[in-house]
Amino acid sequence: MSCDAGPEKAAAINARSLDTLPWSPFGRTEVGWETYAPLIGREIRTGCGPDTAGFAAALAAWEARQGLAADGVMSAAVFERLKTAIQLRRPFVQLSARRICPAAPAEGTLAQATPAEGYAGKAILLRHAALDAYRRMAAAARAEVAAIAADPRDLTIFSGYRSPASDAERCARENNCNGVVRATCSPHRTGLAMDVYVGQAPGFGPDSTADPNRLFMSRTATYRWLVANADRFGFLPYPFEPWHWEWTGEAP
């Protein structure tokens, strides 16, 4: 379908709200939904830009399949349904919904990434199969996209396995508790979650949750390749953090 074909009124509304919608999709106020547009497009099965009639048509079709009013207009309520579908594919989230926190594996059973695979040479531990899947994914990305291959930082890992004790200590030291979830039950305890470099806006770090930084990341070739291809290798995203991906090839 052409990206020019679809409900033009809905497209105009989406184009305006793309950088003006006031909402709180992850518990804090944000303005606009462009950061999430790549994941939304993947979910509703369109490669059309979020401000196009084709995107609105694909969204309307998705809404109809969900039993929602099929108007093709992005809203906080529509995104909540989309977000839930994306989140609940993550096995860790499924366990969390049942109030189950998986036990951390013994560190001696984990595999160590090479210095070249760790961001700035950082030491990274992951489960063996997760690290193997990461290596296949990173190799494919670099083979398929010249811009990813050109930057040696792209797709390097800056956080893999983190022990529950280290997360609790970091929470206390830095007051960096992610709503205390990091200190109590982070997906990084499983050895299946990893934070990978997808770019950073000037003046921000590679894991800054500042809205301008996350928006910048959502536009990078690295992140967009992951959105389109990571599931080929068993990885699923956490929508709020463009850098966070979890391998689903074995149980947490």
Protein backbone atom coordinates (compact mmCIF):
# COMPACT_ATOMS: atom_id res chain seq x y z
CA MET A 1 0.00 0.00 0.00
CA SER A 2 1.19 3.50 -0.80
CA CYS A 3 2.09 5.69 2.16
CA ASP A 4 -0.09 8.36 0.56
CA ALA A 5 -3.23 6.19 0.75
CA GLY A 6 -5.31 6.31 3.90
CA PRO A 7 -7.34 8.56 6.18
CA GLU A 8 -5.91 12.02 5.62
CA LYS A 9 -7.64 13.60 8.62
CA ALA A 10 -6.12 11.02 10.96
CA ALA A 11 -2.72 11.55 9.33
CA ALA A 12 -2.96 15.29 9.96
CA ILE A 13 -3.86 14.70 13.61
CA ASN A 14 -0.96 12.28 14.02
CA ALA A 15 1.45 14.70 12.36
CA ARG A 16 0.49 17.40 14.88
CA SER A 17 0.60 15.17 17.94
CA LEU A 18 3.92 13.56 16.97
CA ASP A 19 5.81 16.26 18.87
CA THR A 20 3.01 17.88 20.90
CA LEU A 21 1.02 15.09 22.62
CA PRO A 22 1.18 15.58 26.42
CA TRP A 23 1.11 12.18 28.13
CA SER A 24 2.86 9.84 30.58
CA PRO A 25 3.34 6.46 28.88
CA PHE A 26 5.94 5.27 31.40
CA GLY A 27 4.93 7.18 34.51
CA ARG A 28 6.53 10.54 33.79
CA THR A 29 5.36 13.39 31.63
CA GLU A 30 6.53 13.41 28.03
CA VAL A 31 5.62 15.52 25.02
CA GLY A 32 5.15 13.80 21.68
CA TRP A 33 5.36 10.16 20.64
CA GLU A 34 8.02 10.21 17.92
CA THR A 35 10.48 8.28 20.11
CA TYR A 36 8.14 5.30 20.00
CA ALA A 37 7.21 5.60 16.30
CA PRO A 38 9.65 2.91 15.04
CA LEU A 39 8.27 0.33 17.48
CA ILE A 40 4.70 1.35 16.75
CA GLY A 41 5.31 1.01 13.02
CA ARG A 42 6.75 -2.47 13.54
CA GLU A 43 3.76 -3.47 15.68
CA ILE A 44 1.14 -2.25 13.20
CA ARG A 45 3.09 -3.67 10.25
CA THR A 46 3.96 -0.56 8.28
CA GLY A 47 7.11 1.08 7.05
CA CYS A 48 5.30 4.36 6.40
CA GLY A 49 6.29 7.44 8.39
CA PRO A 50 4.15 8.24 11.42
CA ASP A 51 2.83 11.44 9.84
CA THR A 52 1.54 9.73 6.68
CA ALA A 53 -1.85 8.52 5.56
CA GLY A 54 -0.40 5.04 5.06
CA PHE A 55 0.61 4.90 8.73
CA ALA A 56 -2.88 6.01 9.77
CA ALA A 57 -4.38 3.29 7.56
CA ALA A 58 -2.15 0.63 9.12
CA LEU A 59 -3.01 1.90 12.61
CA ALA A 60 -6.72 1.81 11.80
CA ALA A 61 -6.38 -1.79 10.60
CA TRP A 62 -4.54 -2.70 13.82
CA GLU A 63 -7.21 -0.97 15.90
CA ALA A 64 -9.91 -2.94 14.11
CA ARG A 65 -8.11 -6.21 14.88
CA GLN A 66 -7.99 -5.15 18.53
CA GLY A 67 -11.70 -4.33 18.65
CA LEU A 68 -10.98 -0.61 19.06
CA ALA A 69 -12.47 2.33 17.21
CA ALA A 70 -10.60 2.15 13.90
CA ASP A 71 -9.94 5.86 13.37
CA GLY A 72 -6.18 5.64 12.72
CA VAL A 73 -5.38 8.27 15.34
CA MET A 74 -2.53 7.70 17.78
CA SER A 75 -3.51 8.44 21.38
CA ALA A 76 -2.35 7.59 24.88
CA ALA A 77 -5.05 4.89 25.12
CA VAL A 78 -4.04 3.32 21.82
CA PHE A 79 -0.38 3.34 22.81
CA GLU A 80 -1.22 1.68 26.12
CA ARG A 81 -2.67 -1.27 24.20
CA LEU A 82 0.35 -1.33 21.88
CA LYS A 83 2.79 -1.07 24.79
CA THR A 84 1.10 -3.90 26.65
CA ALA A 85 1.37 -6.19 23.64
CA ILE A 86 5.06 -5.39 23.22
CA GLN A 87 5.89 -5.67 26.91
CA LEU A 88 4.07 -8.95 27.53
CA ARG A 89 6.13 -10.74 24.92
CA ARG A 90 9.11 -10.40 27.28
CA PRO A 91 9.28 -13.50 29.50
CA PHE A 92 10.66 -11.41 32.35
CA VAL A 93 7.59 -9.15 32.25
CA GLN A 94 5.31 -12.19 32.21
CA LEU A 95 6.95 -13.38 35.41
CA SER A 96 6.78 -9.91 36.96
CA ALA A 97 3.04 -9.79 36.24
CA ARG A 98 2.75 -12.93 38.39
CA ARG A 99 4.97 -11.34 41.08
CA ILE A 100 7.76 -13.81 40.38
CA CYS A 101 11.37 -12.63 40.48
CA PRO A 102 13.69 -15.18 38.85
CA ALA A 103 16.78 -16.28 40.73
CA ALA A 104 20.09 -14.97 39.44
CA PRO A 105 22.39 -17.57 37.85
CA ALA A 106 25.72 -18.39 39.47
CA GLU A 107 28.29 -16.02 38.00
CA GLY A 108 30.63 -18.94 37.30
CA THR A 109 28.14 -20.31 34.80
CA LEU A 110 28.13 -17.15 32.68
CA ALA A 111 30.15 -16.34 29.58
CA GLN A 112 32.40 -13.29 29.34
CA ALA A 113 32.25 -11.03 26.30
CA THR A 114 35.49 -9.99 24.64
CA PRO A 115 36.86 -6.50 25.38
CA ALA A 116 35.85 -5.46 21.85
CA GLU A 117 32.25 -6.46 22.57
CA GLY A 118 32.07 -4.40 25.77
CA TYR A 119 31.52 -0.67 25.43
CA ALA A 120 34.89 1.00 26.03
CA GLY A 121 36.28 -2.44 26.86
CA LYS A 122 33.91 -2.96 29.79
CA ALA A 123 33.76 -6.48 31.23
CA ILE A 124 30.40 -8.05 30.38
CA LEU A 125 28.86 -11.32 31.54
CA LEU A 126 25.86 -13.02 29.90
CA ARG A 127 24.44 -16.49 29.62
CA HIS A 128 26.34 -18.45 26.98
CA ALA A 129 23.47 -18.82 24.51
CA ALA A 130 22.48 -15.16 24.89
CA LEU A 131 26.03 -14.06 24.11
CA ASP A 132 26.13 -16.34 21.07
CA ALA A 133 22.84 -14.86 19.82
CA TYR A 134 24.16 -11.34 20.41
CA ARG A 135 27.25 -12.12 18.34
CA ARG A 136 25.16 -13.36 15.43
CA MET A 137 22.93 -10.30 15.63
CA ALA A 138 25.79 -7.81 15.79
CA ALA A 139 27.56 -9.49 12.87
CA ALA A 140 24.41 -9.36 10.77
CA ALA A 141 23.82 -5.69 11.57
CA ARG A 142 27.35 -4.74 10.58
CA ALA A 143 27.14 -6.77 7.39
CA GLU A 144 23.79 -5.27 6.40
CA VAL A 145 24.25 -1.59 7.34
CA ALA A 146 27.45 0.25 6.48
CA ALA A 147 26.75 3.02 9.01
CA ILE A 148 26.66 0.48 11.85
CA ALA A 149 29.88 -1.14 10.73
CA ALA A 150 31.57 2.27 10.47
CA ASP A 151 31.25 3.07 14.19
CA PRO A 152 33.02 0.52 16.42
CA ARG A 153 30.88 1.60 19.37
CA ASP A 154 27.63 0.54 17.70
CA LEU A 155 26.05 -2.48 19.37
CA THR A 156 28.81 -2.82 21.95
CA ILE A 157 27.39 -3.82 25.34
CA PHE A 158 27.59 -1.46 28.29
CA SER A 159 25.56 -3.55 30.72
CA GLY A 160 24.85 -7.28 30.78
CA TYR A 161 24.46 -9.44 33.87
CA ARG A 162 24.20 -7.45 37.09
CA SER A 163 23.96 -9.26 40.40
CA PRO A 164 21.09 -8.33 42.73
CA ALA A 165 23.70 -7.17 45.27
CA SER A 166 25.41 -4.84 42.78
CA ASP A 167 22.08 -3.32 41.76
CA ALA A 168 21.16 -2.70 45.39
CA GLU A 169 24.57 -1.14 46.06
CA ARG A 170 24.26 1.09 42.99
CA CYS A 171 20.82 2.16 44.11
CA ALA A 172 22.16 3.17 47.52
CA ARG A 173 25.31 4.84 46.15
CA GLU A 174 23.80 6.79 43.28
CA ASN A 175 20.13 6.99 44.27
CA ASN A 176 19.66 5.36 40.87
CA CYS A 177 16.90 2.93 41.71
CA ASN A 178 14.61 3.13 38.67
CA GLY A 179 11.60 3.28 40.93
CA VAL A 180 13.36 0.71 43.20
CA VAL A 181 12.84 -1.98 40.54
CA ARG A 182 16.56 -2.00 39.74
CA ALA A 183 17.36 -2.61 43.38
CA THR A 184 14.79 -5.35 43.89
CA CYS A 185 14.31 -7.27 40.64
CA SER A 186 16.04 -6.01 37.50
CA PRO A 187 15.95 -8.10 34.29
CA HIS A 188 19.73 -7.77 34.24
CA ARG A 189 19.91 -10.32 37.07
CA THR A 190 18.89 -13.03 34.58
CA GLY A 191 21.99 -12.81 32.36
CA LEU A 192 19.62 -12.48 29.39
CA ALA A 193 19.25 -8.68 29.30
CA MET A 194 21.76 -6.34 27.74
CA ASP A 195 22.14 -2.63 27.15
CA VAL A 196 23.77 -1.95 23.79
CA TYR A 197 25.13 1.23 22.27
CA VAL A 198 22.72 2.67 19.70
CA GLY A 199 24.06 6.23 19.70
CA GLN A 200 23.80 9.26 21.95
CA ALA A 201 22.78 12.87 21.54
CA PRO A 202 25.49 15.50 22.10
CA GLY A 203 25.87 16.17 25.82
CA PHE A 204 24.18 12.94 26.94
CA GLY A 205 25.43 9.50 27.89
CA PRO A 206 24.54 6.28 26.06
CA ASP A 207 22.04 5.34 28.76
CA SER A 208 20.58 8.74 29.58
CA THR A 209 16.80 8.57 29.80
CA ALA A 210 16.46 12.27 28.97
CA ASP A 211 13.78 12.66 26.34
CA PRO A 212 16.02 14.42 23.77
CA ASN A 213 18.54 11.60 24.06
CA ARG A 214 15.96 8.85 23.59
CA LEU A 215 14.48 10.71 20.62
CA PHE A 216 17.92 10.98 19.05
CA MET A 217 18.47 7.26 19.53
CA SER A 218 15.14 6.40 17.95
CA ARG A 219 16.37 8.02 14.74
CA THR A 220 19.68 6.17 14.49
CA ALA A 221 20.32 3.47 11.91
CA THR A 222 21.40 1.13 14.71
CA TYR A 223 18.18 1.38 16.67
CA ARG A 224 15.98 1.16 13.60
CA TRP A 225 17.83 -1.94 12.45
CA LEU A 226 17.25 -3.53 15.86
CA VAL A 227 13.54 -2.71 15.76
CA ALA A 228 13.24 -4.32 12.34
CA ASN A 229 15.54 -7.30 12.89
CA ALA A 230 16.36 -8.11 16.53
CA ASP A 231 13.53 -10.62 16.83
CA ARG A 232 15.25 -12.70 14.12
CA PHE A 233 17.84 -13.46 16.79
CA GLY A 234 15.45 -13.80 19.73
CA PHE A 235 15.77 -10.30 21.19
CA LEU A 236 12.88 -8.13 22.34
CA PRO A 237 12.89 -4.45 23.38
CA TYR A 238 11.97 -2.43 26.41
CA PRO A 239 10.19 0.48 24.68
CA PHE A 240 11.25 3.20 27.13
CA GLU A 241 14.98 2.49 26.76
CA PRO A 242 16.12 2.17 23.14
CA TRP A 243 19.33 0.49 24.32
CA HIS A 244 17.72 -2.31 26.38
CA TRP A 245 17.13 -5.70 24.73
CA GLU A 246 16.35 -9.11 26.22
CA TRP A 247 17.09 -12.51 24.75
CA THR A 248 14.13 -14.89 24.84
CA GLY A 249 15.76 -18.14 23.79
CA GLU A 250 15.66 -19.59 27.30
CA ALA A 251 13.66 -18.99 30.44
CA PRO A 252 14.77 -16.24 32.85
